[in-house]
Amino acid sequence: MSRNEMKKIRNLRNKLHKSIKKSGLNSEETRKISDEIDVLINEYYNSIEQIKYPEYSEMLIYYNNSYKALKKVTNEMKKFPLVQEWNKYAKENNYLSHLSLEYISKLDWNYLQVKVERELNLKI
């Protein structure tokens, strides 16, 4: 990780701590800062994985397509799909199952739900 990236993360971390003290864990400002940190860290780890494991790049394409489909389904249904609903849809449309999505994203299904709903700005 470059010094510049480290500095950005450190600055965001300090902003995050101040935001938590000022407005609490669930404030909109705190969430935005947290999401910014997540993006920087994920970009870093994705770049490392692609260097170490070239086959990871191909799986990342499958993951990205499946994740976009998950967001689309959530938006169309106006709710996040249950595991069974997603797995059925994924099988019919050649997307990754919920277990594969969890494994690649390193997030459990519930956190994926929070992430998708935040990205779609759904009030569920």
N, C-alpha and C. Protein backbone atom coordinates (compact mmCIF):
# COMPACT_ATOMS: atom_id res chain seq x y z
N MET A 1 0.86 -1.17 0.00
CA MET A 1 0.00 0.00 0.00
C MET A 1 0.90 1.23 0.00
N SER A 2 0.61 2.16 -0.88
CA SER A 2 1.44 3.36 -0.98
C SER A 2 1.22 4.26 0.23
N ARG A 3 2.17 5.14 0.45
CA ARG A 3 2.06 6.08 1.57
C ARG A 3 0.85 6.97 1.42
N ASN A 4 0.57 7.35 0.18
CA ASN A 4 -0.58 8.22 -0.07
C ASN A 4 -1.89 7.52 0.31
N GLU A 5 -2.01 6.25 -0.05
CA GLU A 5 -3.21 5.48 0.31
C GLU A 5 -3.33 5.33 1.82
N MET A 6 -2.20 5.05 2.46
CA MET A 6 -2.19 4.93 3.92
C MET A 6 -2.61 6.24 4.58
N LYS A 7 -2.11 7.33 4.05
CA LYS A 7 -2.44 8.65 4.60
C LYS A 7 -3.93 8.94 4.45
N LYS A 8 -4.51 8.60 3.27
CA LYS A 8 -5.94 8.79 3.06
C LYS A 8 -6.76 7.99 4.07
N ILE A 9 -6.38 6.73 4.26
CA ILE A 9 -7.11 5.88 5.20
C ILE A 9 -6.96 6.41 6.63
N ARG A 10 -5.75 6.82 7.00
CA ARG A 10 -5.52 7.35 8.34
C ARG A 10 -6.36 8.62 8.57
N ASN A 11 -6.40 9.50 7.58
CA ASN A 11 -7.19 10.73 7.71
C ASN A 11 -8.68 10.41 7.82
N LEU A 12 -9.14 9.47 6.99
CA LEU A 12 -10.55 9.08 7.06
C LEU A 12 -10.87 8.42 8.41
N ARG A 13 -9.94 7.63 8.91
CA ARG A 13 -10.15 6.99 10.21
C ARG A 13 -10.30 8.04 11.30
N ASN A 14 -9.45 9.08 11.26
CA ASN A 14 -9.55 10.15 12.25
C ASN A 14 -10.88 10.89 12.12
N LYS A 15 -11.30 11.15 10.86
CA LYS A 15 -12.61 11.79 10.64
C LYS A 15 -13.74 10.91 11.17
N LEU A 16 -13.59 9.61 10.98
CA LEU A 16 -14.60 8.66 11.44
C LEU A 16 -14.74 8.72 12.96
N HIS A 17 -13.61 8.70 13.67
CA HIS A 17 -13.65 8.76 15.12
C HIS A 17 -14.31 10.06 15.61
N LYS A 18 -13.98 11.17 14.97
CA LYS A 18 -14.59 12.46 15.34
C LYS A 18 -16.09 12.44 15.08
N SER A 19 -16.48 11.87 13.94
CA SER A 19 -17.90 11.80 13.58
C SER A 19 -18.67 10.93 14.56
N ILE A 20 -18.08 9.83 14.98
CA ILE A 20 -18.74 8.95 15.95
C ILE A 20 -18.94 9.68 17.27
N LYS A 21 -17.90 10.39 17.72
CA LYS A 21 -18.02 11.14 18.98
C LYS A 21 -19.07 12.25 18.87
N LYS A 22 -19.09 12.91 17.71
CA LYS A 22 -19.98 14.06 17.53
C LYS A 22 -21.43 13.63 17.30
N SER A 23 -21.66 12.70 16.36
CA SER A 23 -23.04 12.39 15.97
C SER A 23 -23.45 10.94 16.14
N GLY A 24 -22.57 10.09 16.63
CA GLY A 24 -22.95 8.70 16.91
C GLY A 24 -22.65 7.74 15.76
N LEU A 25 -22.79 6.46 16.08
CA LEU A 25 -22.48 5.39 15.12
C LEU A 25 -23.41 5.35 13.92
N ASN A 26 -24.67 5.68 14.11
CA ASN A 26 -25.65 5.50 13.05
C ASN A 26 -25.95 6.76 12.25
N SER A 27 -25.13 7.78 12.41
CA SER A 27 -25.39 9.01 11.66
C SER A 27 -25.01 8.83 10.19
N GLU A 28 -25.63 9.63 9.35
CA GLU A 28 -25.37 9.57 7.91
C GLU A 28 -23.90 9.90 7.61
N GLU A 29 -23.36 10.90 8.29
CA GLU A 29 -21.96 11.30 8.08
C GLU A 29 -21.00 10.16 8.42
N THR A 30 -21.26 9.49 9.55
CA THR A 30 -20.42 8.36 9.97
C THR A 30 -20.47 7.24 8.95
N ARG A 31 -21.66 6.94 8.45
CA ARG A 31 -21.80 5.88 7.44
C ARG A 31 -21.04 6.21 6.16
N LYS A 32 -21.13 7.47 5.72
CA LYS A 32 -20.44 7.86 4.50
C LYS A 32 -18.93 7.72 4.64
N ILE A 33 -18.40 8.15 5.77
CA ILE A 33 -16.95 8.04 6.00
C ILE A 33 -16.55 6.57 6.06
N SER A 34 -17.34 5.76 6.75
CA SER A 34 -17.06 4.33 6.84
C SER A 34 -17.06 3.68 5.46
N ASP A 35 -18.03 4.05 4.63
CA ASP A 35 -18.09 3.52 3.26
C ASP A 35 -16.87 3.93 2.44
N GLU A 36 -16.40 5.16 2.63
CA GLU A 36 -15.19 5.61 1.91
C GLU A 36 -13.98 4.77 2.30
N ILE A 37 -13.85 4.50 3.59
CA ILE A 37 -12.74 3.66 4.06
C ILE A 37 -12.86 2.25 3.47
N ASP A 38 -14.07 1.70 3.48
CA ASP A 38 -14.30 0.37 2.91
C ASP A 38 -13.86 0.30 1.45
N VAL A 39 -14.20 1.33 0.68
CA VAL A 39 -13.84 1.35 -0.75
C VAL A 39 -12.32 1.33 -0.91
N LEU A 40 -11.61 2.17 -0.16
CA LEU A 40 -10.15 2.21 -0.27
C LEU A 40 -9.51 0.87 0.11
N ILE A 41 -9.98 0.28 1.18
CA ILE A 41 -9.42 -1.00 1.63
C ILE A 41 -9.73 -2.10 0.63
N ASN A 42 -10.96 -2.14 0.13
CA ASN A 42 -11.33 -3.16 -0.86
C ASN A 42 -10.53 -3.02 -2.15
N GLU A 43 -10.31 -1.78 -2.59
CA GLU A 43 -9.50 -1.57 -3.80
C GLU A 43 -8.09 -2.12 -3.58
N TYR A 44 -7.53 -1.86 -2.42
CA TYR A 44 -6.19 -2.36 -2.12
C TYR A 44 -6.15 -3.88 -2.15
N TYR A 45 -7.07 -4.54 -1.44
CA TYR A 45 -7.06 -6.00 -1.39
C TYR A 45 -7.37 -6.63 -2.74
N ASN A 46 -8.25 -6.01 -3.50
CA ASN A 46 -8.53 -6.53 -4.84
C ASN A 46 -7.29 -6.47 -5.72
N SER A 47 -6.52 -5.40 -5.62
CA SER A 47 -5.30 -5.30 -6.43
C SER A 47 -4.29 -6.36 -6.04
N ILE A 48 -4.17 -6.66 -4.76
CA ILE A 48 -3.25 -7.71 -4.29
C ILE A 48 -3.70 -9.08 -4.78
N GLU A 49 -4.98 -9.38 -4.66
CA GLU A 49 -5.50 -10.68 -5.08
C GLU A 49 -5.27 -10.92 -6.57
N GLN A 50 -5.43 -9.89 -7.38
CA GLN A 50 -5.26 -10.06 -8.83
C GLN A 50 -3.80 -10.32 -9.19
N ILE A 51 -2.89 -9.78 -8.42
CA ILE A 51 -1.47 -10.01 -8.68
C ILE A 51 -1.08 -11.43 -8.26
N LYS A 52 -1.51 -11.83 -7.05
CA LYS A 52 -1.13 -13.15 -6.53
C LYS A 52 -1.85 -14.28 -7.24
N TYR A 53 -3.12 -14.06 -7.59
CA TYR A 53 -3.94 -15.13 -8.15
C TYR A 53 -4.63 -14.65 -9.42
N PRO A 54 -4.02 -14.85 -10.59
CA PRO A 54 -4.65 -14.37 -11.83
C PRO A 54 -6.05 -14.95 -12.06
N GLU A 55 -6.28 -16.18 -11.61
CA GLU A 55 -7.60 -16.78 -11.80
C GLU A 55 -8.66 -16.04 -10.98
N TYR A 56 -8.21 -15.33 -9.98
CA TYR A 56 -9.13 -14.53 -9.16
C TYR A 56 -9.81 -13.47 -10.02
N SER A 57 -9.10 -12.94 -11.01
CA SER A 57 -9.66 -11.91 -11.89
C SER A 57 -10.89 -12.44 -12.62
N GLU A 58 -10.82 -13.68 -13.10
CA GLU A 58 -11.97 -14.26 -13.80
C GLU A 58 -13.14 -14.45 -12.84
N MET A 59 -12.85 -14.92 -11.63
CA MET A 59 -13.92 -15.11 -10.65
C MET A 59 -14.51 -13.76 -10.24
N LEU A 60 -13.68 -12.75 -10.22
CA LEU A 60 -14.15 -11.41 -9.87
C LEU A 60 -15.17 -10.91 -10.90
N ILE A 61 -14.99 -11.28 -12.15
CA ILE A 61 -15.95 -10.91 -13.19
C ILE A 61 -17.30 -11.57 -12.90
N TYR A 62 -17.27 -12.87 -12.57
CA TYR A 62 -18.50 -13.59 -12.22
C TYR A 62 -19.16 -12.95 -10.99
N TYR A 63 -18.32 -12.61 -10.02
CA TYR A 63 -18.85 -11.98 -8.80
C TYR A 63 -19.51 -10.65 -9.14
N ASN A 64 -18.83 -9.81 -9.89
CA ASN A 64 -19.38 -8.48 -10.22
C ASN A 64 -20.70 -8.60 -10.98
N ASN A 65 -20.78 -9.53 -11.92
CA ASN A 65 -22.03 -9.74 -12.66
C ASN A 65 -23.14 -10.22 -11.72
N SER A 66 -22.81 -11.12 -10.82
CA SER A 66 -23.80 -11.64 -9.89
C SER A 66 -24.24 -10.56 -8.91
N TYR A 67 -23.30 -9.75 -8.46
CA TYR A 67 -23.63 -8.69 -7.51
C TYR A 67 -24.54 -7.65 -8.16
N LYS A 68 -24.26 -7.31 -9.42
CA LYS A 68 -25.14 -6.38 -10.14
C LYS A 68 -26.55 -6.97 -10.28
N ALA A 69 -26.62 -8.25 -10.56
CA ALA A 69 -27.92 -8.92 -10.67
C ALA A 69 -28.64 -8.92 -9.32
N LEU A 70 -27.90 -9.12 -8.25
CA LEU A 70 -28.49 -9.10 -6.91
C LEU A 70 -29.09 -7.72 -6.63
N LYS A 71 -28.38 -6.68 -7.00
CA LYS A 71 -28.90 -5.32 -6.82
C LYS A 71 -30.14 -5.09 -7.68
N LYS A 72 -30.11 -5.61 -8.90
CA LYS A 72 -31.25 -5.46 -9.81
C LYS A 72 -32.48 -6.17 -9.25
N VAL A 73 -32.29 -7.40 -8.79
CA VAL A 73 -33.39 -8.17 -8.23
C VAL A 73 -33.96 -7.47 -6.99
N THR A 74 -33.07 -6.98 -6.15
CA THR A 74 -33.51 -6.27 -4.94
C THR A 74 -34.33 -5.04 -5.31
N ASN A 75 -33.87 -4.31 -6.28
CA ASN A 75 -34.57 -3.11 -6.72
C ASN A 75 -35.94 -3.45 -7.30
N GLU A 76 -36.00 -4.49 -8.11
CA GLU A 76 -37.26 -4.89 -8.74
C GLU A 76 -38.27 -5.42 -7.71
N MET A 77 -37.77 -6.19 -6.75
CA MET A 77 -38.66 -6.78 -5.73
C MET A 77 -38.99 -5.78 -4.62
N LYS A 78 -38.20 -4.70 -4.55
CA LYS A 78 -38.33 -3.70 -3.47
C LYS A 78 -38.02 -4.31 -2.11
N LYS A 79 -37.29 -5.43 -2.14
CA LYS A 79 -36.79 -6.07 -0.92
C LYS A 79 -35.63 -6.98 -1.29
N PHE A 80 -34.76 -7.19 -0.33
CA PHE A 80 -33.62 -8.07 -0.55
C PHE A 80 -34.11 -9.52 -0.59
N PRO A 81 -33.65 -10.31 -1.56
CA PRO A 81 -34.15 -11.68 -1.67
C PRO A 81 -33.67 -12.57 -0.52
N LEU A 82 -34.50 -13.51 -0.17
CA LEU A 82 -34.10 -14.55 0.77
C LEU A 82 -33.06 -15.42 0.09
N VAL A 83 -32.32 -16.17 0.87
CA VAL A 83 -31.28 -17.06 0.32
C VAL A 83 -31.88 -17.99 -0.73
N GLN A 84 -33.03 -18.60 -0.40
CA GLN A 84 -33.65 -19.54 -1.33
C GLN A 84 -34.07 -18.83 -2.63
N GLU A 85 -34.62 -17.63 -2.50
CA GLU A 85 -35.04 -16.87 -3.68
C GLU A 85 -33.84 -16.56 -4.58
N TRP A 86 -32.76 -16.08 -3.93
CA TRP A 86 -31.58 -15.73 -4.72
C TRP A 86 -30.98 -16.97 -5.39
N ASN A 87 -30.84 -18.05 -4.64
CA ASN A 87 -30.22 -19.26 -5.21
C ASN A 87 -31.01 -19.80 -6.39
N LYS A 88 -32.32 -19.74 -6.30
CA LYS A 88 -33.16 -20.18 -7.42
C LYS A 88 -32.93 -19.28 -8.63
N TYR A 89 -32.97 -17.97 -8.40
CA TYR A 89 -32.74 -17.00 -9.48
C TYR A 89 -31.34 -17.17 -10.08
N ALA A 90 -30.36 -17.34 -9.20
CA ALA A 90 -28.96 -17.48 -9.65
C ALA A 90 -28.79 -18.73 -10.51
N LYS A 91 -29.40 -19.83 -10.10
CA LYS A 91 -29.28 -21.08 -10.85
C LYS A 91 -29.92 -20.94 -12.23
N GLU A 92 -31.09 -20.30 -12.28
CA GLU A 92 -31.80 -20.13 -13.55
C GLU A 92 -31.08 -19.19 -14.51
N ASN A 93 -30.30 -18.24 -13.96
CA ASN A 93 -29.67 -17.21 -14.79
C ASN A 93 -28.14 -17.26 -14.79
N ASN A 94 -27.59 -18.38 -14.31
CA ASN A 94 -26.14 -18.60 -14.31
C ASN A 94 -25.35 -17.54 -13.54
N TYR A 95 -25.82 -17.24 -12.33
CA TYR A 95 -25.09 -16.36 -11.43
C TYR A 95 -24.56 -17.17 -10.27
N LEU A 96 -23.70 -16.56 -9.46
CA LEU A 96 -23.13 -17.24 -8.31
C LEU A 96 -24.18 -17.40 -7.21
N SER A 97 -24.08 -18.50 -6.48
CA SER A 97 -24.99 -18.74 -5.36
C SER A 97 -24.67 -17.79 -4.21
N HIS A 98 -25.52 -17.79 -3.20
CA HIS A 98 -25.28 -16.91 -2.06
C HIS A 98 -23.98 -17.28 -1.35
N LEU A 99 -23.66 -18.57 -1.29
CA LEU A 99 -22.41 -18.99 -0.63
C LEU A 99 -21.17 -18.47 -1.37
N SER A 100 -21.21 -18.51 -2.68
CA SER A 100 -20.09 -18.00 -3.47
C SER A 100 -19.96 -16.50 -3.30
N LEU A 101 -21.09 -15.80 -3.29
CA LEU A 101 -21.06 -14.35 -3.09
C LEU A 101 -20.48 -14.01 -1.71
N GLU A 102 -20.89 -14.77 -0.72
CA GLU A 102 -20.36 -14.54 0.63
C GLU A 102 -18.86 -14.80 0.68
N TYR A 103 -18.45 -15.89 0.08
CA TYR A 103 -17.03 -16.26 0.12
C TYR A 103 -16.15 -15.23 -0.57
N ILE A 104 -16.54 -14.82 -1.75
CA ILE A 104 -15.71 -13.88 -2.51
C ILE A 104 -15.73 -12.49 -1.89
N SER A 105 -16.89 -12.06 -1.43
CA SER A 105 -16.98 -10.72 -0.85
C SER A 105 -16.44 -10.67 0.58
N LYS A 106 -16.31 -11.83 1.20
CA LYS A 106 -15.90 -11.94 2.60
C LYS A 106 -16.93 -11.29 3.52
N LEU A 107 -18.20 -11.33 3.09
CA LEU A 107 -19.31 -10.77 3.86
C LEU A 107 -20.39 -11.82 3.99
N ASP A 108 -21.07 -11.84 5.13
CA ASP A 108 -22.18 -12.77 5.23
C ASP A 108 -23.41 -12.17 4.54
N TRP A 109 -24.43 -12.99 4.34
CA TRP A 109 -25.61 -12.60 3.56
C TRP A 109 -26.29 -11.36 4.15
N ASN A 110 -26.34 -11.29 5.48
CA ASN A 110 -26.98 -10.14 6.12
C ASN A 110 -26.22 -8.85 5.84
N TYR A 111 -24.89 -8.90 5.87
CA TYR A 111 -24.12 -7.70 5.59
C TYR A 111 -24.22 -7.34 4.11
N LEU A 112 -24.28 -8.33 3.24
CA LEU A 112 -24.51 -8.05 1.82
C LEU A 112 -25.83 -7.32 1.63
N GLN A 113 -26.84 -7.73 2.41
CA GLN A 113 -28.14 -7.07 2.35
C GLN A 113 -28.00 -5.59 2.73
N VAL A 114 -27.31 -5.31 3.81
CA VAL A 114 -27.12 -3.93 4.25
C VAL A 114 -26.39 -3.13 3.18
N LYS A 115 -25.35 -3.73 2.62
CA LYS A 115 -24.56 -3.06 1.59
C LYS A 115 -25.40 -2.74 0.36
N VAL A 116 -26.15 -3.71 -0.13
CA VAL A 116 -26.99 -3.52 -1.32
C VAL A 116 -28.05 -2.45 -1.04
N GLU A 117 -28.70 -2.55 0.11
CA GLU A 117 -29.76 -1.58 0.43
C GLU A 117 -29.20 -0.16 0.55
N ARG A 118 -28.01 -0.04 1.11
CA ARG A 118 -27.38 1.29 1.19
C ARG A 118 -27.07 1.82 -0.20
N GLU A 119 -26.53 0.97 -1.04
CA GLU A 119 -26.19 1.41 -2.40
C GLU A 119 -27.42 1.79 -3.19
N LEU A 120 -28.52 1.13 -2.93
CA LEU A 120 -29.77 1.42 -3.63
C LEU A 120 -30.60 2.49 -2.90
N ASN A 121 -30.12 2.91 -1.73
CA ASN A 121 -30.83 3.88 -0.90
C ASN A 121 -32.25 3.43 -0.58
N LEU A 122 -32.39 2.14 -0.29
CA LEU A 122 -33.70 1.59 0.06
C LEU A 122 -33.94 1.78 1.55
N LYS A 123 -35.13 2.13 1.89
CA LYS A 123 -35.54 2.27 3.29
C LYS A 123 -36.36 1.05 3.67
N ILE A 124 -35.66 -0.04 3.95
CA ILE A 124 -36.36 -1.30 4.24
C ILE A 124 -36.18 -1.63 5.71
